[in-house]
Protein backbone atom coordinates (compact mmCIF):
# COMPACT_ATOMS: atom_id res chain seq x y z
CA UNK A 1 -2.04 24.03 18.24
CA UNK A 2 -3.04 23.09 14.67
CA UNK A 3 -1.03 20.63 12.59
CA UNK A 4 -1.58 19.77 8.90
CA UNK A 5 -0.56 16.53 7.16
CA UNK A 6 -0.93 16.07 3.39
CA UNK A 7 -0.88 12.83 1.40
CA UNK A 8 -3.32 12.64 -1.52
CA UNK A 9 -2.81 9.04 -2.68
CA UNK A 10 -2.71 6.04 -2.98
CA UNK A 11 -3.69 3.07 -0.81
CA UNK A 12 -0.19 1.94 0.10
CA UNK A 13 1.34 5.40 0.39
CA UNK A 14 -1.42 6.59 2.72
CA UNK A 15 -1.15 3.54 4.96
CA UNK A 16 2.60 4.08 5.07
CA UNK A 17 1.96 7.51 6.65
CA UNK A 18 0.09 6.03 9.63
CA UNK A 19 3.16 5.57 11.88
CA UNK A 20 3.96 9.25 11.30
CA UNK A 21 0.38 10.27 12.14
CA UNK A 22 0.55 8.23 15.33
CA UNK A 23 3.82 9.79 16.41
CA UNK A 24 2.73 13.35 15.64
CA UNK A 25 -0.24 12.85 17.96
CA UNK A 26 1.90 11.18 20.59
CA UNK A 27 4.33 14.10 20.50
CA UNK A 28 1.55 16.71 20.54
CA UNK A 29 -1.44 15.02 22.23
CA UNK A 30 -3.40 18.27 22.59
CA UNK A 31 -2.88 19.39 18.99
CA UNK A 32 -5.70 19.48 16.43
CA UNK A 33 -4.47 17.27 13.61
CA UNK A 34 -5.87 17.84 10.10
CA UNK A 35 -5.14 15.33 7.33
CA UNK A 36 -5.86 15.99 3.64
CA UNK A 37 -6.26 13.16 1.15
CA UNK A 38 -8.22 12.32 -1.98
CA UNK A 39 -11.89 11.53 -1.55
CA UNK A 40 -11.63 7.92 -2.72
CA UNK A 41 -9.03 7.06 -0.06
CA UNK A 42 -10.90 8.57 2.90
CA UNK A 43 -12.00 5.15 4.29
CA UNK A 44 -8.36 4.32 5.06
CA UNK A 45 -8.29 7.14 7.62
CA UNK A 46 -11.96 7.30 8.53
CA UNK A 47 -11.60 5.73 11.98
CA UNK A 48 -8.02 6.76 12.74
CA UNK A 49 -8.21 8.09 16.33
CA UNK A 50 -5.18 10.35 15.90
CA UNK A 51 -6.83 12.46 13.19
CA UNK A 52 -9.19 15.20 14.36
CA UNK A 53 -10.23 16.56 10.97
CA UNK A 54 -10.13 14.57 7.72
CA UNK A 55 -10.42 16.95 4.76
CA UNK A 56 -11.02 15.52 1.30
CA UNK A 57 -9.87 16.62 -2.13
CA UNK A 58 -12.05 15.75 -5.10
CA UNK A 59 -9.55 15.34 -7.95
CA UNK A 60 -12.28 15.98 -10.54
CA UNK A 61 -12.46 19.61 -9.33
CA UNK A 62 -8.79 20.11 -10.28
CA UNK A 63 -7.34 23.55 -9.47
CA UNK A 64 -10.67 24.96 -8.38
CA UNK A 65 -10.96 22.33 -5.68
CA UNK A 66 -7.40 22.96 -4.49
CA UNK A 67 -8.04 26.69 -4.19
CA UNK A 68 -11.24 26.04 -2.26
CA UNK A 69 -9.37 23.76 0.13
CA UNK A 70 -6.63 26.33 0.54
CA UNK A 71 -9.20 29.00 1.39
CA UNK A 72 -10.59 26.74 4.12
CA UNK A 73 -7.12 26.02 5.45
CA UNK A 74 -6.11 29.67 5.47
CA UNK A 75 -8.61 30.26 8.26
CA UNK A 76 -6.54 28.02 10.53
CA UNK A 77 -3.22 29.01 12.04
CA UNK A 78 -0.98 25.97 11.68
CA UNK A 79 2.08 25.45 13.82
CA UNK A 80 3.41 22.71 11.54
CA UNK A 81 2.62 21.64 7.97
CA UNK A 82 3.93 18.23 6.94
CA UNK A 83 3.75 17.68 3.17
CA UNK A 84 4.20 13.93 2.70
CA UNK A 85 3.40 14.12 -1.01
CA UNK A 86 5.62 16.95 -2.24
CA UNK A 87 3.84 17.36 -5.56
CA UNK A 88 2.68 20.35 -7.59
CA UNK A 89 -0.78 19.95 -6.08
CA UNK A 90 0.46 19.91 -2.52
CA UNK A 91 2.73 22.89 -3.22
CA UNK A 92 -0.26 24.87 -4.51
CA UNK A 93 -2.25 23.84 -1.47
CA UNK A 94 0.27 25.02 1.12
CA UNK A 95 1.25 28.27 -0.60
CA UNK A 96 0.88 31.22 1.78
CA UNK A 97 -0.42 29.06 4.64
CA UNK A 98 0.94 29.89 8.06
CA UNK A 99 3.17 27.42 9.85
CA UNK A 100 6.54 25.72 9.57
CA UNK A 101 6.54 23.68 6.35
CA UNK A 102 8.43 20.38 6.04
CA UNK A 103 8.35 18.23 2.89
CA UNK A 104 9.28 14.64 2.09
CA UNK A 105 12.61 14.37 0.27
CA UNK A 106 12.33 11.99 -2.66
CA UNK A 107 16.05 11.50 -3.47
CA UNK A 108 15.25 11.64 -7.17
CA UNK A 109 18.94 11.70 -8.13
CA UNK A 110 19.87 8.47 -6.33
CA UNK A 111 16.67 6.86 -7.55
CA UNK A 112 17.37 7.81 -11.18
CA UNK A 113 20.96 6.58 -10.97
CA UNK A 114 19.73 3.23 -9.62
CA UNK A 115 16.96 2.85 -12.20
CA UNK A 116 18.79 4.03 -15.31
CA UNK A 117 22.48 3.34 -14.62
CA UNK A 118 22.11 0.49 -12.10
CA UNK A 119 24.51 2.17 -9.67
CA UNK A 120 23.36 1.79 -6.10
CA UNK A 121 24.24 4.98 -4.22
CA UNK A 122 21.98 4.18 -1.27
CA UNK A 123 24.11 3.83 1.87
CA UNK A 124 21.17 2.36 3.72
CA UNK A 125 17.77 0.96 2.81
CA UNK A 126 15.27 3.32 4.37
CA UNK A 127 11.56 2.35 4.20
CA UNK A 128 9.20 5.08 3.03
CA UNK A 129 7.49 5.11 6.44
CA UNK A 130 10.82 6.02 8.04
CA UNK A 131 11.36 8.72 5.41
CA UNK A 132 7.99 10.16 6.40
CA UNK A 133 9.16 10.14 10.02
CA UNK A 134 12.23 12.14 9.00
CA UNK A 135 9.95 14.91 7.73
CA UNK A 136 8.92 15.58 11.32
CA UNK A 137 12.38 15.34 12.88
CA UNK A 138 12.66 19.12 13.23
CA UNK A 139 9.47 19.09 15.31
CA UNK A 140 10.78 16.31 17.52
CA UNK A 141 8.87 13.46 15.85
CA UNK A 142 10.64 10.14 16.45
CA UNK A 143 10.13 6.61 15.18
CA UNK A 144 8.48 4.36 17.78
CA UNK A 145 9.59 1.16 16.06
CA UNK A 146 6.01 0.05 15.41
CA UNK A 147 4.20 -0.70 12.16
CA UNK A 148 1.32 0.54 10.04
CA UNK A 149 -2.25 0.89 11.30
CA UNK A 150 -5.70 0.57 9.75
CA UNK A 151 -8.69 0.99 12.03
CA UNK A 152 -11.96 -0.86 11.37
CA UNK A 153 -15.32 -0.55 13.07
CA UNK A 154 -17.70 -3.38 12.29
CA UNK A 155 -18.42 -2.53 8.66
CA UNK A 156 -21.39 -4.62 7.51
CA UNK A 157 -20.03 -7.47 5.42
CA UNK A 158 -22.23 -10.35 4.25
CA UNK A 159 -19.44 -11.79 2.12
CA UNK A 160 -18.31 -14.16 4.89
CA UNK A 161 -21.68 -15.87 5.20
CA UNK A 162 -22.47 -15.78 1.48
CA UNK A 163 -19.24 -17.58 0.62
CA UNK A 164 -18.87 -19.71 3.76
CA UNK A 165 -15.61 -18.02 4.69
CA UNK A 166 -14.48 -18.94 8.19
CA UNK A 167 -11.79 -17.19 10.21
CA UNK A 168 -8.28 -18.22 9.10
CA UNK A 169 -9.68 -20.95 6.85
CA UNK A 170 -8.84 -19.06 3.67
CA UNK A 171 -5.97 -17.17 2.02
CA UNK A 172 -6.35 -13.82 0.28
CA UNK A 173 -4.75 -13.38 -3.14
CA UNK A 174 -4.23 -9.95 -4.71
CA UNK A 175 -3.12 -10.75 -8.28
CA UNK A 176 -3.10 -7.19 -9.66
CA UNK A 177 -0.98 -4.06 -9.21
CA UNK A 178 -0.87 -0.53 -10.56
CA UNK A 179 1.55 -1.41 -13.39
CA UNK A 180 2.12 -4.43 -15.62
CA UNK A 181 5.72 -5.07 -14.55
CA UNK A 182 4.57 -5.50 -10.95
CA UNK A 183 2.10 -8.28 -11.84
CA UNK A 184 3.10 -11.94 -11.60
CA UNK A 185 1.73 -13.63 -14.77
CA UNK A 186 -1.91 -14.61 -14.38
CA UNK A 187 -1.32 -18.04 -15.92
CA UNK A 188 1.04 -18.68 -13.00
CA UNK A 189 -1.56 -17.39 -10.55
CA UNK A 190 -4.12 -19.74 -12.08
CA UNK A 191 -1.89 -22.77 -11.54
CA UNK A 192 -1.08 -21.64 -8.00
CA UNK A 193 -4.76 -21.30 -7.05
CA UNK A 194 -5.56 -24.76 -8.36
CA UNK A 195 -2.62 -26.28 -6.52
CA UNK A 196 -3.50 -24.59 -3.20
CA UNK A 197 -7.12 -25.72 -3.28
CA UNK A 198 -6.24 -29.25 -4.42
CA UNK A 199 -3.61 -29.83 -1.73
CA UNK A 200 -5.22 -28.14 1.26
CA UNK A 201 -8.57 -27.40 2.87
CA UNK A 202 -8.00 -23.66 2.52
CA UNK A 203 -10.21 -21.51 0.34
CA UNK A 204 -8.86 -18.62 -1.70
CA UNK A 205 -10.41 -15.13 -1.78
CA UNK A 206 -9.36 -13.08 -4.81
CA UNK A 207 -9.25 -9.36 -4.04
CA UNK A 208 -8.93 -6.28 -6.22
CA UNK A 209 -10.71 -3.25 -7.60
CA UNK A 210 -13.63 -3.20 -10.00
CA UNK A 211 -11.34 -2.13 -12.84
CA UNK A 212 -9.18 -5.21 -12.27
CA UNK A 213 -11.98 -7.75 -12.59
CA UNK A 214 -11.44 -8.03 -16.34
CA UNK A 215 -7.92 -9.36 -15.63
CA UNK A 216 -9.26 -11.97 -13.26
CA UNK A 217 -11.52 -13.58 -15.87
CA UNK A 218 -8.47 -15.69 -16.70
CA UNK A 219 -8.60 -17.19 -13.21
CA UNK A 220 -10.78 -20.14 -12.18
CA UNK A 221 -13.87 -19.54 -10.06
CA UNK A 222 -15.05 -22.47 -7.95
CA UNK A 223 -16.58 -23.19 -4.58
CA UNK A 224 -13.11 -22.80 -3.08
CA UNK A 225 -11.76 -20.03 -5.34
CA UNK A 226 -13.95 -17.03 -4.65
CA UNK A 227 -13.85 -13.87 -6.77
CA UNK A 228 -14.47 -10.83 -4.55
CA UNK A 229 -12.75 -8.17 -6.66
CA UNK A 230 -14.96 -5.17 -7.30
CA UNK A 231 -17.68 -6.44 -4.96
CA UNK A 232 -16.58 -4.70 -1.76
CA UNK A 233 -15.57 -1.35 -0.34
CA UNK A 234 -12.01 -0.69 0.81
CA UNK A 235 -12.88 -1.41 4.42
CA UNK A 236 -14.82 -4.56 3.54
CA UNK A 237 -11.73 -5.78 1.68
CA UNK A 238 -9.73 -4.97 4.80
CA UNK A 239 -12.11 -7.12 6.85
CA UNK A 240 -11.61 -10.03 4.48
CA UNK A 241 -7.84 -9.67 4.88
CA UNK A 242 -8.08 -9.27 8.66
CA UNK A 243 -9.81 -12.62 9.19
CA UNK A 244 -7.79 -14.54 6.61
CA UNK A 245 -4.76 -16.71 7.24
CA UNK A 246 -2.68 -14.22 5.26
CA UNK A 247 -2.20 -12.81 1.79
CA UNK A 248 -0.29 -13.55 -1.42
CA UNK A 249 0.26 -10.29 -3.22
CA UNK A 250 2.28 -8.36 -5.74
CA UNK A 251 3.75 -4.99 -4.76
CA UNK A 252 0.39 -3.29 -4.28
CA UNK A 253 -1.82 -1.32 -1.93
CA UNK A 254 -3.45 -4.51 -0.62
CA UNK A 255 -0.03 -5.77 0.43
CA UNK A 256 0.39 -2.66 2.60
CA UNK A 257 -3.16 -3.11 3.87
CA UNK A 258 -2.19 -6.58 5.08
CA UNK A 259 0.84 -5.04 6.81
CA UNK A 260 -1.42 -2.54 8.56
CA UNK A 261 -3.65 -5.40 9.73
CA UNK A 262 -0.67 -7.41 10.97
CA UNK A 263 -1.32 -10.36 8.66
CA UNK A 264 1.37 -12.69 7.23
CA UNK A 265 2.39 -11.79 3.68
CA UNK A 266 3.93 -13.58 0.72
CA UNK A 267 4.94 -10.71 -1.57
CA UNK A 268 6.10 -11.15 -5.17
CA UNK A 269 8.29 -8.33 -6.47
CA UNK A 270 9.15 -7.82 -10.13
CA UNK A 271 10.54 -4.56 -11.49
CA UNK A 272 10.83 -2.79 -8.12
CA UNK A 273 13.42 -3.38 -5.40
CA UNK A 274 13.89 -2.92 -1.66
CA UNK A 275 16.03 0.21 -2.01
CA UNK A 276 12.96 2.12 -3.21
CA UNK A 277 11.41 1.70 0.24
CA UNK A 278 8.14 -0.09 -0.46
CA UNK A 279 8.69 -3.57 0.94
CA UNK A 280 6.16 -4.65 3.61
CA UNK A 281 6.86 -2.46 6.62
CA UNK A 282 7.53 -4.22 9.93
CA UNK A 283 5.24 -7.08 8.96
CA UNK A 284 5.60 -10.85 8.97
CA UNK A 285 6.52 -11.14 5.31
CA UNK A 286 8.37 -13.37 2.87
CA UNK A 287 9.63 -11.63 -0.26
CA UNK A 288 9.97 -13.57 -3.51
CA UNK A 289 12.02 -11.84 -6.20
CA UNK A 290 14.50 -12.59 -8.95
CA UNK A 291 17.88 -11.45 -7.62
CA UNK A 292 19.84 -12.59 -10.67
CA UNK A 293 18.96 -9.81 -13.11
CA UNK A 294 21.08 -6.77 -13.89
CA UNK A 295 18.04 -4.89 -15.24
CA UNK A 296 16.17 -4.53 -11.93
CA UNK A 297 14.84 -2.02 -11.14
CA UNK A 298 13.66 -0.73 -14.50
CA UNK A 299 11.37 1.80 -12.82
CA UNK A 300 10.64 3.12 -9.35
CA UNK A 301 6.88 2.61 -9.75
CA UNK A 302 6.53 -0.02 -12.47
CA UNK A 303 6.02 0.06 -16.24
CA UNK A 304 3.31 -0.87 -18.70
CA UNK A 305 5.64 -3.33 -20.42
CA UNK A 306 9.07 -4.83 -19.93
CA UNK A 307 11.58 -2.51 -21.68
CA UNK A 308 13.66 -5.55 -22.70
CA UNK A 309 10.61 -7.61 -23.72
CA UNK A 310 11.60 -10.70 -21.70
CA UNK A 311 9.93 -9.88 -18.34
CA UNK A 312 12.29 -12.27 -16.60
CA UNK A 313 11.87 -10.52 -13.25
CA UNK A 314 8.42 -12.11 -13.00
CA UNK A 315 8.46 -14.96 -15.51
CA UNK A 316 11.44 -16.64 -13.86
CA UNK A 317 9.62 -16.77 -10.52
CA UNK A 318 8.09 -20.23 -10.83
CA UNK A 319 4.81 -21.55 -9.49
CA UNK A 320 6.82 -24.13 -7.54
CA UNK A 321 8.76 -21.38 -5.78
CA UNK A 322 5.65 -19.50 -4.73
CA UNK A 323 3.68 -22.62 -3.84
CA UNK A 324 6.45 -23.99 -1.63
CA UNK A 325 6.58 -20.68 0.23
CA UNK A 326 2.79 -20.66 0.63
CA UNK A 327 2.89 -24.26 1.81
CA UNK A 328 5.42 -23.45 4.55
CA UNK A 329 3.76 -20.22 5.61
CA UNK A 330 0.07 -21.06 5.39
CA UNK A 331 -0.78 -24.66 4.54
CA UNK A 332 1.50 -26.45 7.01
CA UNK A 333 0.73 -24.09 9.89
């Protein structure tokens, strides 16, 4: 039996599919499971033992690449096709393929009503990972109650020795996110980093992508505040998180990576809310958010600026609030 799973992007969304992947394989242990994702996110699934064939889409090839992938897939006879992206690209990809097709339902109506009218029509808060599980309900896929997974295999990483990072003697900080309204102000991050390193023996490892390094120039760099953004692969970043004491993060892919590695999380949420389904999934996490604003959420994914120009959802989360949480969770442990 052949089974196809599709999720093109991004870091968090792909990691949120891993419980579904696990349960598909547990339900059909003899099936050949093919997973399609974008090339740049392949490391997240590279060592996943439940995936038999990892096929990659190069987004730069656009439609031509999709058609080539579809031609390759058409040679296989799929029993089930699980589209966990439900986009124009994924619809093009699965067109005319054999097999029972099931797609993720995005509840765009309820989401729009919540974002634009502030009416909450959600009867329950369902995490995205559980929504993915629902896609397979017709095939008998059931939630096992467990969390995300990210598999590592001894990736070479000299960062530990180069920066004198010892197991659980440092905290990871992921100060960026995909959109501005999901980023706690960097001047607050700066003060937090200084306070952590002045009041504890813990070091801080700053993580992020190469494109985010320009943001982090506003942050101090010392013997105990180590800038690693843009210097490591995805799996090397995962290693840094794995051996840390935990992570302080905005709503970002690295937050979900920490969930998949079963590390404690302090997560700062701005313009997005729990109803959208992206809180840390079945992880030891503390959420810091401003619950006293009528304007949240202003978007389901984040915006490039605050539509009301005050950005209170993040600016009213004080350094004291975050530091006291970090102190309880990491420093005093």
